[in-house]
C-alpha atoms as a PDB file:
ATOM      1  CA  MET A   1      -0.297   0.090  -0.306  1.00  0.00           C
ATOM      2  CA  THR A   2       2.010   3.684  -1.034  1.00  0.00           C
ATOM      3  CA  GLU A   3       0.827   6.119   0.842  1.00  0.00           C
ATOM      4  CA  THR A   4       0.251   9.536  -0.514  1.00  0.00           C
ATOM      5  CA  THR A   5       0.533  12.571   0.942  1.00  0.00           C
ATOM      6  CA  GLU A   6       0.279  15.542   0.125  1.00  0.00           C
ATOM      7  CA  GLN A   7       2.806  18.814  -0.386  1.00  0.00           C
ATOM      8  CA  ALA A   8       2.838  21.802   0.002  1.00  0.00           C
ATOM      9  CA  PRO A   9       2.388  23.578  -3.522  1.00  0.00           C
ATOM     10  CA  ILE A  10       5.821  25.363  -5.413  1.00  0.00           C
ATOM     11  CA  ARG A  11       5.199  28.705  -5.089  1.00  0.00           C
ATOM     12  CA  ASN A  12       6.826  30.805  -7.464  1.00  0.00           C
ATOM     13  CA  ASP A  13       7.844  33.985  -6.771  1.00  0.00           C
ATOM     14  CA  ASP A  14       5.959  35.958  -9.683  1.00  0.00           C
ATOM     15  CA  GLU A  15       3.376  34.528  -7.416  1.00  0.00           C
ATOM     16  CA  ASP A  16       0.637  36.950  -4.367  1.00  0.00           C
ATOM     17  CA  PRO A  17       3.740  36.775  -1.287  1.00  0.00           C
ATOM     18  CA  LEU A  18      -0.189  37.176   0.825  1.00  0.00           C
ATOM     19  CA  GLY A  19      -1.585  33.740  -1.046  1.00  0.00           C
ATOM     20  CA  SER A  20      -5.630  34.021  -1.138  1.00  0.00           C
ATOM     21  CA  VAL A  21      -5.155  37.168   1.095  1.00  0.00           C
ATOM     22  CA  GLY A  22      -4.278  39.174  -1.245  1.00  0.00           C
ATOM     23  CA  ASN A  23      -3.989  43.133  -1.163  1.00  0.00           C
ATOM     24  CA  GLY A  24      -7.614  43.672  -1.533  1.00  0.00           C
ATOM     25  CA  GLY A  25      -7.141  42.259   2.824  1.00  0.00           C
ATOM     26  CA  PHE A  26      -4.635  44.965   3.175  1.00  0.00           C
ATOM     27  CA  PHE A  27      -7.006  47.864   1.266  1.00  0.00           C
ATOM     28  CA  PHE A  28     -10.256  46.993   3.048  1.00  0.00           C
ATOM     29  CA  ALA A  29      -7.919  47.525   6.390  1.00  0.00           C
ATOM     30  CA  GLY A  30      -6.886  50.899   5.372  1.00  0.00           C
ATOM     31  CA  LEU A  31     -10.689  51.696   3.944  1.00  0.00           C
ATOM     32  CA  THR A  32     -11.413  51.328   7.804  1.00  0.00           C
ATOM     33  CA  PHE A  33      -8.732  52.673   9.068  1.00  0.00           C
ATOM     34  CA  GLY A  34      -9.312  55.731   7.294  1.00  0.00           C
ATOM     35  CA  PHE A  35     -12.906  56.238   7.754  1.00  0.00           C
ATOM     36  CA  LEU A  36     -12.193  55.590  11.204  1.00  0.00           C
ATOM     37  CA  ALA A  37      -9.757  58.378  11.657  1.00  0.00           C
ATOM     38  CA  ALA A  38     -11.549  60.794   8.996  1.00  0.00           C
ATOM     39  CA  ALA A  39     -14.995  60.411  11.491  1.00  0.00           C
ATOM     40  CA  ALA A  40     -12.747  61.400  14.827  1.00  0.00           C
ATOM     41  CA  ILE A  41     -10.975  64.530  13.188  1.00  0.00           C
ATOM     42  CA  GLY A  42     -14.292  65.068  11.894  1.00  0.00           C
ATOM     43  CA  ILE A  43     -15.663  64.905  15.638  1.00  0.00           C
ATOM     44  CA  VAL A  44     -13.007  66.813  16.707  1.00  0.00           C
ATOM     45  CA  ALA A  45     -13.686  69.623  14.675  1.00  0.00           C
ATOM     46  CA  LEU A  46     -17.309  69.757  15.151  1.00  0.00           C
ATOM     47  CA  MET A  47     -16.441  70.155  18.941  1.00  0.00           C
ATOM     48  CA  ALA A  48     -14.084  73.108  18.304  1.00  0.00           C
ATOM     49  CA  LEU A  49     -17.027  74.624  16.104  1.00  0.00           C
ATOM     50  CA  ASP A  50     -18.727  74.995  18.797  1.00  0.00           C
ATOM     51  CA  PRO A  51     -16.787  74.215  22.457  1.00  0.00           C
ATOM     52  CA  LEU A  52     -19.497  76.052  24.655  1.00  0.00           C
ATOM     53  CA  GLY A  53     -22.999  73.974  23.463  1.00  0.00           C
ATOM     54  CA  PRO A  54     -25.715  75.735  21.742  1.00  0.00           C
ATOM     55  CA  GLY A  55     -27.075  78.738  24.103  1.00  0.00           C
ATOM     56  CA  GLN A  56     -23.836  79.204  25.930  1.00  0.00           C
ATOM     57  CA  ARG A  57     -22.236  82.904  25.088  1.00  0.00           C
ATOM     58  CA  THR A  58     -18.277  83.631  24.203  1.00  0.00           C
ATOM     59  CA  ALA A  59     -15.875  85.357  25.184  1.00  0.00           C
ATOM     60  CA  ALA A  60     -16.391  87.698  22.398  1.00  0.00           C
ATOM     61  CA  GLU A  61     -20.159  87.673  22.918  1.00  0.00           C
ATOM     62  CA  SER A  62     -19.943  88.216  26.666  1.00  0.00           C
ATOM     63  CA  THR A  63     -17.131  91.002  26.620  1.00  0.00           C
ATOM     64  CA  SER A  64     -18.533  94.150  26.030  1.00  0.00           C
ATOM     65  CA  THR A  65     -16.001  96.806  28.084  1.00  0.00           C
ATOM     66  CA  SER A  66     -13.937  98.146  24.974  1.00  0.00           C
ATOM     67  CA  ALA A  67     -16.570  99.378  22.925  1.00  0.00           C
ATOM     68  CA  VAL A  68     -15.637 100.714  18.697  1.00  0.00           C
ATOM     69  CA  GLU A  69     -16.140 104.185  18.058  1.00  0.00           C
ATOM     70  CA  VAL A  70     -18.510 104.598  15.479  1.00  0.00           C
ATOM     71  CA  GLY A  71     -16.703 105.146  12.212  1.00  0.00           C
ATOM     72  CA  GLU A  72     -13.348 103.410  14.039  1.00  0.00           C
ATOM     73  CA  VAL A  73     -11.399 101.745  11.455  1.00  0.00           C
ATOM     74  CA  ALA A  74      -9.402  98.230  12.620  1.00  0.00           C
ATOM     75  CA  ALA A  75      -5.623  97.231  11.719  1.00  0.00           C
ATOM     76  CA  GLY A  76      -7.152  95.502   8.168  1.00  0.00           C
ATOM     77  CA  ASP A  77      -7.697  96.625   4.643  1.00  0.00           C
ATOM     78  CA  PRO A  78     -11.645  97.801   4.141  1.00  0.00           C
ATOM     79  CA  VAL A  79     -10.354  97.540   0.325  1.00  0.00           C
ATOM     80  CA  ASN A  80     -10.214  94.244   0.651  1.00  0.00           C
ATOM     81  CA  GLY A  81     -12.912  93.525   3.487  1.00  0.00           C
ATOM     82  CA  GLU A  82     -15.416  94.680   1.384  1.00  0.00           C
ATOM     83  CA  ALA A  83     -14.406  92.337  -1.475  1.00  0.00           C
ATOM     84  CA  ILE A  84     -14.194  89.773   0.731  1.00  0.00           C
ATOM     85  CA  TYR A  85     -17.807  90.426   2.160  1.00  0.00           C
ATOM     86  CA  ALA A  86     -19.210  90.166  -0.724  1.00  0.00           C
ATOM     87  CA  SER A  87     -18.515  86.995  -1.736  1.00  0.00           C
ATOM     88  CA  THR A  88     -19.201  85.780   2.128  1.00  0.00           C
ATOM     89  CA  CYS A  89     -21.371  87.433   4.109  1.00  0.00           C
ATOM     90  CA  ALA A  90     -23.498  89.999   1.519  1.00  0.00           C
ATOM     91  CA  THR A  91     -25.267  86.580   1.038  1.00  0.00           C
ATOM     92  CA  CYS A  92     -27.395  86.468   4.709  1.00  0.00           C
ATOM     93  CA  HIS A  93     -26.319  89.824   5.902  1.00  0.00           C
ATOM     94  CA  GLY A  94     -26.829  91.792   2.399  1.00  0.00           C
ATOM     95  CA  PRO A  95     -25.195  93.690  -0.494  1.00  0.00           C
ATOM     96  CA  ASP A  96     -25.274  96.801   1.929  1.00  0.00           C
ATOM     97  CA  ALA A  97     -24.989  95.608   4.971  1.00  0.00           C
ATOM     98  CA  GLU A  98     -29.046  96.443   5.995  1.00  0.00           C
ATOM     99  CA  GLY A  99     -29.353  92.716   6.576  1.00  0.00           C
ATOM    100  CA  ILE A 100     -31.704  90.572   4.225  1.00  0.00           C
ATOM    101  CA  GLN A 101     -35.377  89.252   6.755  1.00  0.00           C
ATOM    102  CA  GLY A 102     -35.047  85.589   7.962  1.00  0.00           C
ATOM    103  CA  LEU A 103     -30.967  85.445   7.186  1.00  0.00           C
ATOM    104  CA  GLY A 104     -29.375  88.208   8.440  1.00  0.00           C
ATOM    105  CA  PRO A 105     -29.301  90.997  10.617  1.00  0.00           C
ATOM    106  CA  PRO A 106     -28.166  94.527   9.749  1.00  0.00           C
ATOM    107  CA  LEU A 107     -24.978  94.882  10.304  1.00  0.00           C
ATOM    108  CA  VAL A 108     -24.842  98.625  10.061  1.00  0.00           C
ATOM    109  CA  GLY A 109     -25.696 100.501  13.083  1.00  0.00           C
ATOM    110  CA  ASN A 110     -25.914  97.180  14.903  1.00  0.00           C
ATOM    111  CA  GLU A 111     -25.135  97.468  18.750  1.00  0.00           C
ATOM    112  CA  PHE A 112     -23.600  94.539  18.919  1.00  0.00           C
ATOM    113  CA  VAL A 113     -20.888  95.118  16.226  1.00  0.00           C
ATOM    114  CA  GLN A 114     -20.453  98.650  17.792  1.00  0.00           C
ATOM    115  CA  SER A 115     -20.402  96.860  21.509  1.00  0.00           C
ATOM    116  CA  LEU A 116     -16.948  95.088  20.169  1.00  0.00           C
ATOM    117  CA  THR A 117     -13.286  95.435  19.661  1.00  0.00           C
ATOM    118  CA  ASP A 118     -12.061  94.507  16.520  1.00  0.00           C
ATOM    119  CA  ALA A 119     -10.347  91.807  18.156  1.00  0.00           C
ATOM    120  CA  GLU A 120     -13.779  90.817  19.705  1.00  0.00           C
ATOM    121  CA  LEU A 121     -15.445  90.481  16.167  1.00  0.00           C
ATOM    122  CA  ILE A 122     -12.692  88.990  14.789  1.00  0.00           C
ATOM    123  CA  ALA A 123     -13.042  86.033  17.741  1.00  0.00           C
ATOM    124  CA  PHE A 124     -17.078  86.237  17.711  1.00  0.00           C
ATOM    125  CA  ILE A 125     -16.765  85.818  13.417  1.00  0.00           C
ATOM    126  CA  ASN A 126     -14.356  82.984  13.455  1.00  0.00           C
ATOM    127  CA  VAL A 127     -16.705  80.448  16.004  1.00  0.00           C
ATOM    128  CA  GLY A 128     -20.481  82.487  14.562  1.00  0.00           C
ATOM    129  CA  ARG A 129     -23.582  81.425  16.093  1.00  0.00           C
ATOM    130  CA  ASP A 130     -25.565  79.091  16.386  1.00  0.00           C
ATOM    131  CA  ALA A 131     -29.351  79.274  15.785  1.00  0.00           C
ATOM    132  CA  SER A 132     -30.416  78.227  19.524  1.00  0.00           C
ATOM    133  CA  HIS A 133     -28.836  81.104  20.571  1.00  0.00           C
ATOM    134  CA  SER A 134     -30.512  83.479  23.157  1.00  0.00           C
ATOM    135  CA  ASP A 135     -29.001  86.349  21.320  1.00  0.00           C
ATOM    136  CA  ASN A 136     -30.038  84.481  18.053  1.00  0.00           C
ATOM    137  CA  LYS A 137     -32.835  87.058  16.909  1.00  0.00           C
ATOM    138  CA  THR A 138     -33.420  85.464  13.378  1.00  0.00           C
ATOM    139  CA  GLY A 139     -33.538  81.688  13.732  1.00  0.00           C
ATOM    140  CA  VAL A 140     -30.172  80.335  11.271  1.00  0.00           C
ATOM    141  CA  ALA A 141     -27.357  79.844  12.504  1.00  0.00           C
ATOM    142  CA  MET A 142     -23.760  81.886  11.312  1.00  0.00           C
ATOM    143  CA  PRO A 143     -21.187  79.630  10.284  1.00  0.00           C
ATOM    144  CA  PRO A 144     -17.748  80.240  11.643  1.00  0.00           C
ATOM    145  CA  LYS A 145     -15.790  82.609   9.747  1.00  0.00           C
ATOM    146  CA  GLY A 146     -19.497  83.051   7.937  1.00  0.00           C
ATOM    147  CA  GLY A 147     -19.517  79.799   6.090  1.00  0.00           C
ATOM    148  CA  ASN A 148     -15.622  79.640   3.981  1.00  0.00           C
ATOM    149  CA  PRO A 149     -13.198  78.147   6.180  1.00  0.00           C
ATOM    150  CA  SER A 150     -10.732  79.128   3.751  1.00  0.00           C
ATOM    151  CA  LEU A 151     -10.211  83.011   5.547  1.00  0.00           C
ATOM    152  CA  THR A 152      -7.603  83.929   7.804  1.00  0.00           C
ATOM    153  CA  ASP A 153      -7.652  85.764  11.084  1.00  0.00           C
ATOM    154  CA  GLY A 154      -6.195  88.267   8.611  1.00  0.00           C
ATOM    155  CA  ASP A 155      -9.849  88.150   6.011  1.00  0.00           C
ATOM    156  CA  ILE A 156     -11.608  88.687   9.003  1.00  0.00           C
ATOM    157  CA  ALA A 157      -9.665  91.887  10.043  1.00  0.00           C
ATOM    158  CA  ASP A 158     -10.227  93.265   6.337  1.00  0.00           C
ATOM    159  CA  VAL A 159     -13.658  92.706   6.835  1.00  0.00           C
ATOM    160  CA  VAL A 160     -14.220  94.200  10.099  1.00  0.00           C
ATOM    161  CA  ALA A 161     -12.166  96.999   8.468  1.00  0.00           C
ATOM    162  CA  PHE A 162     -15.062  97.292   5.583  1.00  0.00           C
ATOM    163  CA  LEU A 163     -17.533  97.413   8.838  1.00  0.00           C
ATOM    164  CA  ARG A 164     -16.510  99.538  10.712  1.00  0.00           C
ATOM    165  CA  THR A 165     -16.303 102.064   7.657  1.00  0.00           C
ATOM    166  CA  LEU A 166     -20.175 101.602   7.653  1.00  0.00           C
ATOM    167  CA  LEU A 167     -21.122 102.455  10.891  1.00  0.00           C
END
């Protein structure tokens, strides 16, 4: 009686070194890791956008000790600020900053805007205001940076300088 024993197949160097797992297993593992990492980053980013939670006042909102005088100009460039305002802020606050009913309040003669220093107003624009915030009069959220995440503090300082020319 002859016994047959199974031998391991001889592997050719051109074959897939991972055998039946193939690159697909690593692809899906990488895809899963990538998805989880992106989700974690998204959660952290959302927490950073509204760190105090709805209805909480930011330092920029609660501090009004150094009011800006009417006509005082921020350190930014009002000409550049006008262009940024037109492309980002005018959608809700109107082309002349007179506000749009149900979207954004008027910024011309706005007591809140006038009560903040330039630095405080820049900080407020960076954070925005939730729709459920007690000081929100329209019920529509003001997104951080007016919904334009590419704006830098310098860009926002330019918008503030432009707004100061309207007061």
